[in-house]
N, C-alpha and C. Protein backbone atom coordinates (compact mmCIF):
# COMPACT_ATOMS: atom_id res chain seq x y z
N UNK A 1 74.45 157.35 -69.45
CA UNK A 1 75.13 156.42 -68.39
C UNK A 1 74.27 156.18 -67.11
N UNK A 2 73.46 157.09 -67.24
CA UNK A 2 72.54 156.55 -65.54
C UNK A 2 72.06 155.08 -65.64
N UNK A 3 71.59 154.88 -66.58
CA UNK A 3 71.07 153.75 -66.68
C UNK A 3 72.13 152.76 -66.41
N UNK A 4 73.33 152.61 -67.35
CA UNK A 4 74.11 151.24 -66.59
C UNK A 4 74.53 151.54 -65.33
N UNK A 5 74.93 152.72 -64.90
CA UNK A 5 75.67 153.17 -63.58
C UNK A 5 74.62 152.05 -62.26
N UNK A 6 73.27 152.40 -62.55
CA UNK A 6 72.16 152.10 -61.77
C UNK A 6 72.11 150.54 -62.15
N UNK A 7 72.26 149.68 -62.80
CA UNK A 7 71.86 148.42 -63.28
C UNK A 7 73.03 147.84 -62.67
N UNK A 8 74.33 148.45 -63.04
CA UNK A 8 75.33 147.41 -62.54
C UNK A 8 75.58 147.34 -60.97
N UNK A 9 75.69 148.67 -60.42
CA UNK A 9 75.46 148.97 -59.02
C UNK A 9 74.24 148.04 -58.17
N UNK A 10 73.35 148.39 -58.71
CA UNK A 10 72.26 147.12 -58.48
C UNK A 10 72.61 145.70 -58.10
N UNK A 11 73.30 145.49 -59.49
CA UNK A 11 73.37 143.59 -59.65
C UNK A 11 74.60 143.98 -58.76
N UNK A 12 75.56 144.20 -58.60
CA UNK A 12 76.87 144.34 -57.88
C UNK A 12 76.64 144.40 -56.17
N UNK A 13 75.89 145.27 -55.94
CA UNK A 13 75.64 145.47 -54.45
C UNK A 13 74.31 144.40 -53.59
N UNK A 14 73.83 143.95 -54.52
CA UNK A 14 72.68 142.58 -54.23
C UNK A 14 73.20 141.02 -54.22
N UNK A 15 75.13 141.51 -54.63
CA UNK A 15 75.17 140.11 -54.55
C UNK A 15 74.77 139.16 -56.19
N UNK A 16 74.11 139.68 -57.04
CA UNK A 16 73.30 138.91 -58.20
C UNK A 16 74.55 138.18 -59.11
N UNK A 17 74.28 137.48 -59.23
CA UNK A 17 74.90 136.00 -60.34
C UNK A 17 75.20 136.51 -61.70
N UNK A 18 76.02 136.59 -62.24
CA UNK A 18 76.16 136.77 -63.69
C UNK A 18 75.61 135.29 -64.53
N UNK A 19 74.80 135.26 -64.90
CA UNK A 19 73.82 133.73 -65.53
C UNK A 19 74.12 134.36 -66.94
N UNK A 20 74.05 135.30 -67.96
CA UNK A 20 74.92 134.98 -69.06
C UNK A 20 74.78 136.29 -69.98
N UNK A 21 74.53 136.50 -71.03
CA UNK A 21 74.84 137.45 -72.00
C UNK A 21 74.06 137.12 -73.19
N UNK A 22 73.59 138.64 -73.79
CA UNK A 22 72.81 138.47 -74.96
C UNK A 22 73.62 138.69 -76.29
N UNK A 23 73.75 137.77 -77.45
CA UNK A 23 74.42 138.42 -78.75
C UNK A 23 73.46 138.85 -79.79
N UNK A 24 73.94 139.42 -80.43
CA UNK A 24 73.12 140.05 -81.44
C UNK A 24 74.32 139.70 -82.71
N UNK A 25 73.27 140.01 -84.02
CA UNK A 25 73.92 140.06 -85.23
C UNK A 25 75.33 140.78 -85.59
N UNK A 26 75.22 142.08 -84.56
CA UNK A 26 76.33 142.97 -85.02
C UNK A 26 76.99 143.20 -83.57
N UNK A 27 77.49 142.81 -83.08
CA UNK A 27 78.06 143.02 -81.55
C UNK A 27 78.91 144.18 -81.45
N UNK A 28 78.97 145.21 -80.61
CA UNK A 28 79.82 146.20 -80.30
C UNK A 28 81.38 145.80 -80.04
N UNK A 29 82.09 146.55 -80.11
CA UNK A 29 83.64 145.29 -80.27
C UNK A 29 84.35 146.18 -79.27
N UNK A 30 83.59 145.27 -77.70
CA UNK A 30 84.23 146.23 -76.92
C UNK A 30 84.39 145.05 -75.30
N UNK A 31 85.05 144.93 -74.72
CA UNK A 31 85.04 143.89 -73.33
C UNK A 31 85.77 145.31 -71.99
N UNK A 32 85.00 145.32 -71.10
CA UNK A 32 85.39 146.28 -69.89
C UNK A 32 85.47 145.44 -68.97
N UNK A 33 86.81 145.67 -68.19
CA UNK A 33 87.46 144.94 -67.34
C UNK A 33 86.94 145.60 -65.61
N UNK A 34 86.02 144.67 -65.37
CA UNK A 34 85.58 145.59 -63.97
C UNK A 34 85.41 144.56 -62.75
N UNK A 35 84.96 145.14 -61.74
CA UNK A 35 85.11 144.41 -60.53
C UNK A 35 84.88 142.95 -60.56
N UNK A 36 83.54 142.49 -61.29
CA UNK A 36 83.38 140.81 -61.35
C UNK A 36 83.89 140.41 -62.71
N UNK A 37 85.05 140.93 -63.48
CA UNK A 37 85.90 140.19 -64.14
C UNK A 37 85.49 140.91 -65.90
N UNK A 38 85.93 140.00 -66.78
CA UNK A 38 85.37 140.67 -67.99
C UNK A 38 83.77 141.24 -68.08
N UNK A 39 83.47 142.16 -68.27
CA UNK A 39 82.30 142.54 -68.86
C UNK A 39 81.76 142.80 -70.24
N UNK A 40 81.08 142.12 -70.95
CA UNK A 40 80.56 142.13 -72.69
C UNK A 40 79.40 143.16 -72.68
N UNK A 41 79.23 143.39 -73.45
CA UNK A 41 78.50 144.33 -73.71
C UNK A 41 76.57 144.12 -73.39
N UNK A 42 76.34 143.24 -73.41
CA UNK A 42 74.99 142.86 -72.89
C UNK A 42 74.70 141.74 -71.87
N UNK A 43 74.81 141.95 -70.39
CA UNK A 43 74.75 141.07 -69.79
C UNK A 43 73.61 140.36 -69.08
N UNK A 44 73.50 139.25 -68.33
CA UNK A 44 71.90 139.19 -67.58
C UNK A 44 72.51 138.66 -66.11
N UNK A 45 72.34 139.37 -65.12
CA UNK A 45 72.23 138.84 -63.74
C UNK A 45 70.98 138.34 -63.02
N UNK A 46 71.25 137.76 -62.24
CA UNK A 46 70.50 137.02 -61.41
C UNK A 46 70.06 137.17 -59.97
N UNK A 47 68.99 137.62 -59.13
CA UNK A 47 69.23 136.92 -57.72
C UNK A 47 67.97 137.25 -57.43
N UNK A 48 67.69 135.61 -56.15
CA UNK A 48 66.57 135.69 -55.57
C UNK A 48 66.36 136.78 -54.30
N UNK A 49 65.68 137.66 -53.97
CA UNK A 49 66.08 138.52 -52.65
C UNK A 49 65.22 138.13 -51.57
N UNK A 50 65.78 138.81 -50.32
CA UNK A 50 65.25 138.22 -49.50
C UNK A 50 63.69 138.18 -49.22
N UNK A 51 63.25 139.27 -49.97
CA UNK A 51 61.67 139.45 -49.89
C UNK A 51 60.92 137.98 -50.56
N UNK A 52 61.71 137.45 -51.41
CA UNK A 52 60.94 136.39 -51.82
C UNK A 52 60.98 136.52 -53.58
N UNK A 53 61.40 138.17 -53.72
CA UNK A 53 61.06 138.58 -55.24
C UNK A 53 62.31 138.02 -55.69
N UNK A 54 62.09 137.60 -57.08
CA UNK A 54 63.35 137.36 -58.42
C UNK A 54 63.46 138.63 -59.08
N UNK A 55 64.99 138.76 -59.02
CA UNK A 55 65.42 140.19 -59.79
C UNK A 55 66.25 139.68 -61.02
N UNK A 56 65.68 139.93 -62.16
CA UNK A 56 67.08 139.77 -63.60
C UNK A 56 67.10 141.67 -63.88
N UNK A 57 68.57 141.56 -63.66
CA UNK A 57 69.16 142.64 -63.98
C UNK A 57 70.25 142.75 -65.21
N UNK A 58 69.59 143.61 -66.49
CA UNK A 58 70.21 143.59 -67.87
C UNK A 58 70.87 144.74 -67.54
N UNK A 59 72.66 144.54 -68.16
CA UNK A 59 73.75 145.53 -67.78
C UNK A 59 74.07 145.84 -69.27
N UNK A 60 73.42 147.07 -69.50
CA UNK A 60 73.95 147.66 -70.98
C UNK A 60 75.24 148.44 -71.18
N UNK A 61 76.55 147.61 -71.29
CA UNK A 61 77.29 148.68 -71.04
C UNK A 61 77.86 149.43 -72.39
N UNK A 62 77.02 149.03 -73.94
CA UNK A 62 76.83 150.10 -74.90
C UNK A 62 75.58 150.07 -75.29
N UNK A 63 74.90 150.49 -76.52
CA UNK A 63 73.35 150.75 -77.03
C UNK A 63 73.92 149.49 -78.20
N UNK A 64 72.60 148.95 -78.32
CA UNK A 64 72.69 147.61 -79.55
C UNK A 64 73.33 148.90 -80.65
N UNK A 65 74.32 148.35 -81.68
CA UNK A 65 74.52 148.95 -82.91
C UNK A 65 73.02 148.79 -83.63
N UNK A 66 72.94 150.53 -84.14
CA UNK A 66 72.16 150.98 -84.75
C UNK A 66 70.97 149.91 -85.80
N UNK A 67 71.78 149.08 -86.28
CA UNK A 67 70.97 148.18 -87.50
C UNK A 67 70.60 147.11 -87.11
N UNK A 68 70.85 146.72 -86.05
CA UNK A 68 70.22 145.45 -84.82
C UNK A 68 69.37 146.13 -83.56
N UNK A 69 69.13 147.21 -83.38
CA UNK A 69 68.36 147.59 -82.37
C UNK A 69 66.95 147.68 -82.11
N UNK A 70 66.33 147.36 -83.49
CA UNK A 70 64.87 147.05 -83.22
C UNK A 70 64.70 145.77 -82.75
N UNK A 71 65.70 144.72 -83.83
CA UNK A 71 65.13 143.20 -83.48
C UNK A 71 65.85 142.96 -82.01
N UNK A 72 66.78 143.48 -82.02
CA UNK A 72 67.48 143.19 -80.30
C UNK A 72 66.01 143.61 -79.58
N UNK A 73 65.73 144.82 -79.11
CA UNK A 73 64.63 145.25 -78.33
C UNK A 73 63.14 144.74 -78.31
N UNK A 74 63.19 144.63 -79.43
CA UNK A 74 61.13 143.40 -80.01
C UNK A 74 61.89 142.06 -79.56
N UNK A 75 63.02 141.61 -79.54
CA UNK A 75 63.13 140.15 -78.63
C UNK A 75 63.59 140.32 -77.71
N UNK A 76 64.17 141.30 -76.79
CA UNK A 76 64.03 141.19 -75.18
C UNK A 76 62.52 141.34 -74.91
N UNK A 77 61.49 142.17 -75.21
CA UNK A 77 60.74 142.46 -74.52
C UNK A 77 59.69 140.83 -75.24
N UNK A 78 59.94 140.40 -76.18
CA UNK A 78 58.85 139.07 -76.11
C UNK A 78 59.49 138.11 -75.33
N UNK A 79 61.09 138.23 -74.91
CA UNK A 79 61.36 137.37 -73.72
C UNK A 79 61.07 137.40 -72.49
N UNK A 80 60.48 138.98 -72.18
CA UNK A 80 60.23 139.30 -71.04
C UNK A 80 58.29 138.82 -70.77
N UNK A 81 57.91 138.51 -72.29
CA UNK A 81 56.44 138.14 -71.72
C UNK A 81 56.35 136.79 -72.14
N UNK A 82 57.14 135.89 -72.46
CA UNK A 82 57.38 134.74 -72.45
C UNK A 82 57.68 134.10 -71.22
N UNK A 83 58.73 134.63 -70.46
CA UNK A 83 58.93 134.21 -69.23
C UNK A 83 58.46 134.94 -67.60
N UNK A 84 57.29 135.42 -68.10
CA UNK A 84 56.32 136.15 -67.39
C UNK A 84 56.65 137.53 -66.34
N UNK A 85 57.82 137.83 -67.14
CA UNK A 85 57.90 139.30 -65.88
C UNK A 85 57.77 140.49 -65.45
N UNK A 86 56.97 140.23 -64.04
CA UNK A 86 56.17 141.03 -63.51
C UNK A 86 56.06 142.14 -63.46
N UNK A 87 56.99 143.13 -63.61
CA UNK A 87 57.47 144.40 -63.85
C UNK A 87 58.68 144.88 -64.68
N UNK A 88 59.10 145.27 -65.81
CA UNK A 88 59.94 145.81 -66.59
C UNK A 88 60.31 147.23 -65.99
N UNK A 89 61.40 147.32 -65.26
CA UNK A 89 62.16 148.46 -64.68
C UNK A 89 63.07 149.27 -65.71
N UNK A 90 62.58 150.50 -66.40
CA UNK A 90 63.50 150.78 -67.34
C UNK A 90 64.39 152.29 -66.14
N UNK A 91 65.27 152.71 -66.50
CA UNK A 91 65.69 153.66 -66.33
C UNK A 91 67.10 154.27 -67.40
N UNK A 92 66.88 155.50 -67.19
CA UNK A 92 67.17 156.42 -68.18
C UNK A 92 67.66 157.70 -67.71
N UNK A 93 68.44 158.91 -68.07
CA UNK A 93 68.44 160.34 -68.16
C UNK A 93 67.38 161.24 -68.70
N UNK A 94 66.83 162.12 -67.75
CA UNK A 94 66.41 163.14 -68.43
C UNK A 94 67.02 164.41 -68.13
N UNK A 95 67.55 165.02 -69.16
CA UNK A 95 68.15 166.00 -69.29
C UNK A 95 67.93 167.13 -68.14
N UNK A 96 69.09 168.12 -67.86
CA UNK A 96 68.66 168.74 -66.15
C UNK A 96 67.75 170.04 -65.99
N UNK A 97 68.31 170.27 -68.08
CA UNK A 97 67.43 171.82 -68.74
C UNK A 97 66.35 171.87 -68.81
N UNK A 98 65.68 170.67 -68.34
CA UNK A 98 64.01 170.45 -68.50
C UNK A 98 63.76 170.20 -67.08
N UNK A 99 64.40 170.27 -65.90
CA UNK A 99 63.97 170.58 -64.65
C UNK A 99 63.61 172.04 -64.17
N UNK A 100 62.29 172.06 -63.57
CA UNK A 100 61.86 173.43 -63.11
C UNK A 100 62.76 173.76 -62.02
N UNK A 101 62.29 175.18 -61.69
CA UNK A 101 63.10 175.41 -60.52
C UNK A 101 63.25 175.30 -59.07
N UNK A 102 61.84 175.25 -58.93
CA UNK A 102 61.32 174.31 -57.61
C UNK A 102 61.46 173.03 -57.83
N UNK A 103 62.12 172.52 -58.56
CA UNK A 103 61.44 170.83 -58.37
C UNK A 103 61.93 170.55 -57.09
N UNK A 104 61.43 168.95 -56.46
CA UNK A 104 61.43 168.58 -55.03
C UNK A 104 62.13 167.33 -55.41
N UNK A 105 61.72 166.59 -56.52
CA UNK A 105 61.50 165.01 -56.72
C UNK A 105 62.95 164.76 -57.36
N UNK A 106 63.28 165.20 -58.16
CA UNK A 106 64.86 164.96 -58.82
C UNK A 106 64.49 163.80 -59.91
N UNK A 107 63.35 163.64 -60.71
CA UNK A 107 62.89 163.00 -61.35
C UNK A 107 61.62 162.91 -62.01
N UNK A 108 61.18 162.03 -63.17
CA UNK A 108 60.27 161.94 -63.51
C UNK A 108 59.56 160.55 -64.36
N UNK A 109 58.95 160.33 -64.47
CA UNK A 109 58.24 158.63 -65.17
C UNK A 109 57.26 158.72 -65.64
N UNK A 110 57.44 157.56 -65.99
CA UNK A 110 55.37 157.16 -67.16
C UNK A 110 55.56 155.63 -66.81
N UNK A 111 54.77 154.74 -66.92
CA UNK A 111 54.09 153.62 -66.90
C UNK A 111 52.81 152.81 -67.81
N UNK A 112 53.14 152.01 -68.44
CA UNK A 112 51.93 151.47 -69.48
C UNK A 112 51.01 150.96 -68.43
N UNK A 113 49.75 150.84 -69.32
CA UNK A 113 48.25 150.75 -68.59
C UNK A 113 48.61 149.18 -67.52
N UNK A 114 49.89 148.79 -67.88
CA UNK A 114 50.00 147.01 -67.20
C UNK A 114 50.41 146.89 -65.89
N UNK A 115 51.26 148.34 -65.88
CA UNK A 115 52.42 148.60 -64.66
C UNK A 115 51.41 149.02 -63.51
N UNK A 116 51.49 148.31 -62.18
CA UNK A 116 50.84 148.59 -60.80
C UNK A 116 51.93 149.18 -60.00
N UNK A 117 52.30 150.39 -60.52
CA UNK A 117 53.25 151.54 -60.02
C UNK A 117 52.56 153.35 -59.45
N UNK A 118 52.76 153.55 -58.39
CA UNK A 118 52.81 154.75 -58.16
C UNK A 118 53.30 155.15 -57.53
N UNK A 119 54.29 156.58 -57.91
CA UNK A 119 55.57 156.86 -57.91
C UNK A 119 54.88 158.38 -56.96
N UNK A 120 55.98 158.92 -56.07
CA UNK A 120 55.79 160.27 -55.75
C UNK A 120 55.83 161.28 -56.67
N UNK A 121 57.04 161.00 -57.46
CA UNK A 121 56.99 162.10 -58.51
C UNK A 121 56.21 162.40 -59.60
N UNK A 122 55.95 163.59 -60.05
CA UNK A 122 55.06 163.55 -61.50
C UNK A 122 55.72 162.74 -62.14
N UNK A 123 54.45 162.52 -63.21
CA UNK A 123 55.11 161.84 -64.61
C UNK A 123 55.52 162.92 -65.38
N UNK A 124 56.19 162.01 -66.42
CA UNK A 124 57.27 163.13 -67.64
C UNK A 124 55.92 163.92 -68.10
N UNK A 125 56.13 165.55 -68.14
CA UNK A 125 55.63 166.62 -68.84
C UNK A 125 55.43 166.56 -70.42
N UNK A 126 53.97 166.46 -70.76
CA UNK A 126 53.64 166.61 -72.28
C UNK A 126 54.85 167.61 -72.97
N UNK A 127 54.97 167.05 -74.12
CA UNK A 127 55.93 167.63 -74.92
C UNK A 127 57.19 167.19 -74.94
N UNK A 128 57.90 166.48 -73.96
CA UNK A 128 58.90 166.24 -73.80
C UNK A 128 59.32 164.80 -74.31
N UNK A 129 60.04 164.35 -74.89
CA UNK A 129 60.59 162.69 -75.57
C UNK A 129 61.69 162.10 -74.74
N UNK A 130 61.46 160.57 -75.14
CA UNK A 130 62.55 159.66 -74.80
C UNK A 130 63.08 158.98 -76.26
N UNK A 131 64.09 159.09 -76.27
CA UNK A 131 64.39 158.48 -78.10
C UNK A 131 65.51 157.07 -77.71
N UNK A 132 65.69 156.47 -78.77
CA UNK A 132 66.54 155.42 -78.71
C UNK A 132 66.09 154.55 -78.04
N UNK A 133 66.81 153.44 -78.17
CA UNK A 133 66.86 152.14 -77.27
C UNK A 133 65.92 151.78 -76.08
N UNK A 134 65.80 153.12 -75.10
CA UNK A 134 65.37 152.84 -74.33
C UNK A 134 63.99 152.66 -74.57
N UNK A 135 63.44 154.10 -75.00
CA UNK A 135 61.77 154.22 -76.24
C UNK A 135 61.50 153.10 -76.73
N UNK A 136 62.72 152.42 -77.42
CA UNK A 136 61.90 151.46 -77.88
C UNK A 136 61.28 150.16 -77.11
N UNK A 137 62.20 149.83 -76.03
CA UNK A 137 62.29 148.90 -75.36
C UNK A 137 60.86 149.19 -74.71
N UNK A 138 60.24 150.32 -74.30
CA UNK A 138 59.06 150.54 -73.71
C UNK A 138 58.06 150.67 -74.14
N UNK A 139 58.26 150.87 -75.63
CA UNK A 139 57.29 150.47 -76.67
C UNK A 139 57.12 149.43 -76.81
N UNK A 140 58.18 148.27 -77.00
CA UNK A 140 57.69 147.18 -77.48
C UNK A 140 56.78 146.14 -76.32
N UNK A 141 58.14 146.33 -74.97
CA UNK A 141 57.17 146.03 -73.77
C UNK A 141 55.79 146.55 -73.83
N UNK A 142 55.07 147.66 -74.19
CA UNK A 142 53.51 148.13 -74.05
C UNK A 142 52.85 147.12 -75.17
N UNK A 143 53.15 147.03 -76.05
CA UNK A 143 52.86 145.87 -77.53
C UNK A 143 52.52 144.72 -77.06
N UNK A 144 53.69 143.93 -76.15
CA UNK A 144 53.37 142.89 -75.89
C UNK A 144 52.64 142.73 -74.42
N UNK A 145 52.44 143.50 -73.35
CA UNK A 145 51.42 143.69 -72.52
C UNK A 145 52.37 143.48 -71.50
N UNK A 146 53.78 143.45 -71.57
CA UNK A 146 54.30 143.30 -70.33
C UNK A 146 54.40 144.78 -69.47
N UNK A 147 53.90 144.55 -68.75
CA UNK A 147 54.23 145.92 -67.32
C UNK A 147 55.44 146.28 -67.12
N UNK A 148 55.52 147.83 -67.27
CA UNK A 148 56.90 148.42 -67.77
C UNK A 148 56.78 149.76 -66.71
N UNK A 149 57.70 150.24 -66.45
CA UNK A 149 57.94 151.51 -65.57
C UNK A 149 59.23 152.11 -66.52
N UNK A 150 59.33 153.59 -66.10
CA UNK A 150 60.29 153.99 -67.18
C UNK A 150 60.69 155.31 -65.70
N UNK A 151 61.79 155.07 -65.41
CA UNK A 151 62.19 156.30 -64.33
C UNK A 151 63.52 156.83 -64.59
N UNK A 152 63.03 158.52 -64.88
CA UNK A 152 64.21 159.20 -65.61
C UNK A 152 64.84 160.18 -64.56
N UNK A 153 65.46 160.39 -63.54
CA UNK A 153 66.20 160.98 -63.02
C UNK A 153 66.95 162.12 -63.51
N UNK A 154 66.56 163.29 -63.32
CA UNK A 154 67.32 164.49 -63.97
C UNK A 154 69.01 164.14 -63.68
N UNK A 155 69.29 164.73 -65.15
CA UNK A 155 71.00 164.18 -65.26
C UNK A 155 71.54 165.47 -65.75
N UNK A 156 72.83 165.55 -65.68
CA UNK A 156 73.57 166.53 -66.56
C UNK A 156 74.33 165.85 -67.68
N UNK A 157 74.01 166.46 -68.51
CA UNK A 157 73.99 165.90 -70.03
C UNK A 157 75.53 165.98 -70.81
N UNK A 158 76.41 166.08 -70.09
CA UNK A 158 77.66 166.18 -70.46
C UNK A 158 78.39 165.14 -69.66
N UNK A 159 77.93 164.42 -68.91
CA UNK A 159 78.89 163.54 -67.94
C UNK A 159 78.33 162.54 -67.18
N UNK A 160 78.81 161.66 -66.79
CA UNK A 160 78.27 160.49 -65.86
C UNK A 160 77.97 161.25 -65.06
N UNK A 161 76.58 160.95 -64.31
CA UNK A 161 76.09 161.89 -63.64
C UNK A 161 75.76 161.01 -62.42
N UNK A 162 76.82 160.48 -61.30
CA UNK A 162 76.27 159.54 -60.18
C UNK A 162 75.13 160.37 -59.00
N UNK A 163 74.74 161.59 -59.28
CA UNK A 163 73.80 161.82 -58.34
C UNK A 163 72.76 161.76 -58.47
N UNK A 164 72.29 161.26 -60.40
CA UNK A 164 71.78 160.57 -60.92
C UNK A 164 71.07 159.58 -60.90
N UNK A 165 72.44 158.78 -60.69
CA UNK A 165 72.15 157.25 -60.32
C UNK A 165 71.76 156.89 -59.15
N UNK A 166 72.03 157.69 -58.25
CA UNK A 166 71.37 157.76 -56.85
C UNK A 166 70.29 157.59 -56.98
N UNK A 167 69.69 158.77 -57.24
CA UNK A 167 68.42 158.98 -57.36
C UNK A 167 67.22 157.27 -57.98
N UNK A 168 68.26 157.50 -59.03
CA UNK A 168 67.26 155.74 -59.65
C UNK A 168 67.64 155.27 -58.30
N UNK A 169 68.36 154.80 -57.91
CA UNK A 169 68.71 153.43 -56.97
C UNK A 169 68.23 153.46 -56.07
N UNK A 170 67.60 154.62 -55.41
CA UNK A 170 66.76 154.96 -54.45
C UNK A 170 65.25 154.69 -54.89
N UNK A 171 64.99 155.06 -55.49
CA UNK A 171 63.34 155.04 -56.64
C UNK A 171 63.70 153.02 -56.48
N UNK A 172 64.19 152.80 -57.00
CA UNK A 172 64.05 151.22 -57.67
C UNK A 172 64.14 150.43 -55.97
N UNK A 173 64.79 150.74 -55.04
CA UNK A 173 64.89 149.81 -53.88
C UNK A 173 63.63 150.21 -53.32
N UNK A 174 63.72 151.38 -52.97
CA UNK A 174 62.56 152.09 -51.79
C UNK A 174 61.34 151.63 -52.26
N UNK A 175 60.80 152.10 -53.50
CA UNK A 175 59.38 152.10 -53.60
C UNK A 175 59.42 150.99 -54.82
N UNK A 176 60.21 150.42 -55.24
CA UNK A 176 59.61 148.92 -56.47
C UNK A 176 60.21 148.08 -55.83
N UNK A 177 61.09 147.57 -55.62
CA UNK A 177 61.51 146.28 -54.78
C UNK A 177 61.27 146.55 -53.29
N UNK A 178 61.46 147.49 -52.30
CA UNK A 178 61.29 147.47 -51.46
C UNK A 178 62.23 146.51 -50.39
N UNK A 179 63.37 146.70 -50.75
CA UNK A 179 64.93 146.35 -49.95
C UNK A 179 65.44 147.47 -50.16
N UNK A 180 66.67 147.11 -49.11
CA UNK A 180 68.01 148.17 -48.93
C UNK A 180 69.03 148.12 -49.92
N UNK A 181 68.98 149.54 -50.90
CA UNK A 181 70.24 149.09 -51.47
C UNK A 181 71.35 149.69 -50.76
N UNK A 182 72.56 149.02 -50.74
CA UNK A 182 73.87 150.01 -50.76
C UNK A 182 74.16 150.73 -51.10
N UNK A 183 74.24 152.18 -50.88
CA UNK A 183 74.73 153.01 -51.96
C UNK A 183 76.34 153.43 -51.72
N UNK A 184 76.82 153.15 -50.82
CA UNK A 184 78.11 153.18 -49.83
C UNK A 184 79.03 153.71 -51.00
N UNK A 185 79.35 152.99 -52.31
CA UNK A 185 80.51 153.26 -53.83
C UNK A 185 80.21 154.13 -54.40
N UNK A 186 78.82 154.02 -54.38
CA UNK A 186 78.47 154.84 -55.81
C UNK A 186 78.13 156.66 -54.63
N UNK A 187 78.03 156.46 -53.33
CA UNK A 187 77.59 158.13 -53.30
C UNK A 187 79.35 158.64 -52.78
N UNK A 188 80.41 157.73 -52.42
CA UNK A 188 81.49 157.97 -52.69
C UNK A 188 82.22 158.87 -54.00
N UNK A 189 81.86 157.90 -55.11
CA UNK A 189 82.15 158.67 -56.42
C UNK A 189 81.46 159.91 -56.89
N UNK A 190 80.43 159.95 -56.22
CA UNK A 190 79.23 161.04 -56.12
C UNK A 190 80.03 162.22 -55.60
N UNK A 191 80.42 161.96 -54.28
CA UNK A 191 80.66 163.53 -53.48
C UNK A 191 82.54 163.20 -54.13
N UNK A 192 83.01 162.72 -54.70
CA UNK A 192 84.33 163.29 -54.97
C UNK A 192 83.74 164.24 -56.46
N UNK A 193 82.85 163.78 -57.41
CA UNK A 193 82.38 164.54 -58.24
C UNK A 193 82.05 165.84 -58.22
N UNK A 194 81.20 166.19 -57.19
CA UNK A 194 80.93 167.18 -56.64
C UNK A 194 82.10 168.24 -56.39
N UNK A 195 82.87 167.38 -55.29
CA UNK A 195 84.27 168.17 -55.22
C UNK A 195 84.86 168.73 -56.28
N UNK A 196 84.96 167.73 -57.22
CA UNK A 196 86.02 168.02 -58.67
C UNK A 196 84.88 169.35 -59.27
N UNK A 197 83.74 169.47 -59.34
CA UNK A 197 82.95 170.06 -60.11
C UNK A 197 82.73 171.53 -59.58
N UNK A 198 83.04 171.46 -58.09
CA UNK A 198 82.92 172.98 -57.75
C UNK A 198 84.57 173.39 -57.69
N UNK A 199 85.66 172.35 -57.42
CA UNK A 199 86.73 173.20 -57.87
C UNK A 199 87.02 173.91 -59.44
N UNK A 200 86.52 172.93 -60.37
CA UNK A 200 86.46 173.47 -61.65
C UNK A 200 86.26 175.33 -61.97
N UNK A 201 84.66 174.97 -61.08
CA UNK A 201 83.53 175.83 -61.07
C UNK A 201 84.42 177.49 -60.35
N UNK A 202 85.08 177.21 -59.33
CA UNK A 202 85.46 178.37 -58.82
C UNK A 202 86.81 178.75 -59.81
N UNK A 203 87.87 177.75 -60.62
CA UNK A 203 88.67 177.92 -60.79
C UNK A 203 88.31 179.13 -62.30
N UNK A 204 87.22 178.44 -62.48
CA UNK A 204 86.54 179.21 -63.82
C UNK A 204 85.99 180.87 -63.53
N UNK A 205 85.60 180.78 -62.50
CA UNK A 205 85.35 182.16 -61.84
C UNK A 205 86.31 183.20 -61.92
N UNK A 206 87.74 182.54 -61.25
CA UNK A 206 88.25 183.42 -60.44
C UNK A 206 89.46 183.73 -61.75
N UNK A 207 89.44 183.13 -63.07
CA UNK A 207 89.90 183.12 -64.26
C UNK A 207 89.15 183.94 -64.84
N UNK A 208 87.79 184.21 -64.78
CA UNK A 208 86.72 184.85 -65.45
C UNK A 208 86.89 186.60 -64.68
N UNK A 209 87.05 186.49 -63.57
CA UNK A 209 87.28 187.70 -62.66
C UNK A 209 88.79 188.96 -63.00
N UNK A 210 89.89 187.58 -63.46
CA UNK A 210 91.07 188.00 -63.30
C UNK A 210 90.88 188.65 -64.59
N UNK A 211 90.72 188.23 -65.96
CA UNK A 211 90.59 188.52 -67.33
C UNK A 211 89.62 190.00 -67.39
N UNK A 212 88.47 189.70 -66.37
CA UNK A 212 87.62 191.19 -66.20
C UNK A 212 88.98 192.32 -65.90
N UNK A 213 89.45 191.92 -64.73
CA UNK A 213 90.30 192.97 -63.99
C UNK A 213 90.92 193.74 -65.00
N UNK A 214 91.79 192.69 -65.81
CA UNK A 214 92.93 193.24 -66.80
C UNK A 214 92.44 193.82 -67.86
N UNK A 215 91.11 193.37 -67.86
CA UNK A 215 90.58 194.43 -69.28
C UNK A 215 90.07 195.79 -69.04
N UNK A 216 89.63 195.73 -67.96
CA UNK A 216 89.02 197.21 -67.30
C UNK A 216 90.30 197.97 -66.58
N UNK A 217 91.38 197.46 -66.62
CA UNK A 217 92.49 198.03 -66.09
C UNK A 217 93.02 198.88 -66.73
N UNK A 218 93.24 199.00 -68.02
CA UNK A 218 93.71 199.77 -69.20
C UNK A 218 95.64 199.29 -69.00
N UNK A 219 96.15 200.02 -70.04
CA UNK A 219 97.85 200.15 -70.33
C UNK A 219 97.91 201.99 -70.07
N UNK A 220 99.11 202.37 -70.16
CA UNK A 220 99.57 203.64 -69.96
C UNK A 220 100.77 203.42 -70.33
N UNK A 221 101.63 204.35 -70.88
CA UNK A 221 103.09 204.38 -71.10
C UNK A 221 103.59 205.57 -70.83
């Protein structure tokens, strides 16, 4: 969910205009009702930024169906090449199980040789892998000589991680686009998520202590 949260919030917070959608031969059967109306699986937003940069945001609400993933991603990379995209920014999540104990940056990244990008965190460690449509898009961008960088905030694997999405948004805004991205709404959701997780952890801890006390207490007649 990191990629979806980042791209959708980026488009909305910058006031990007919905310009169109992408069709495949096998469309995911879903329509989501969102802040700006019905959302189809793959949509295109556009915004000319105050610093003169032109931003195209492609929001994926679903992954392309497996049968058309390869052709979809290959076509998207070729489209980026034909339209002279200066930098393709890909955002996903990196399982927090791989995060070092003394981690200071909260993310990893990789970039192909065509991308002139230098971020403050280390690049992704040897032995780790990216899988799925994101990996395909990075591969086809490289083959088509499209500059591409992949940003991978450490994320919880079992839920939509808004803290990870905030990290991705800050990197894109501060280090890549050099603009201020309003994080108000997503920060509120992240705070609610933190409070909910703390409450659940507290309840589980209390339950564990109570069960242990019952087991150790014994029964007498």
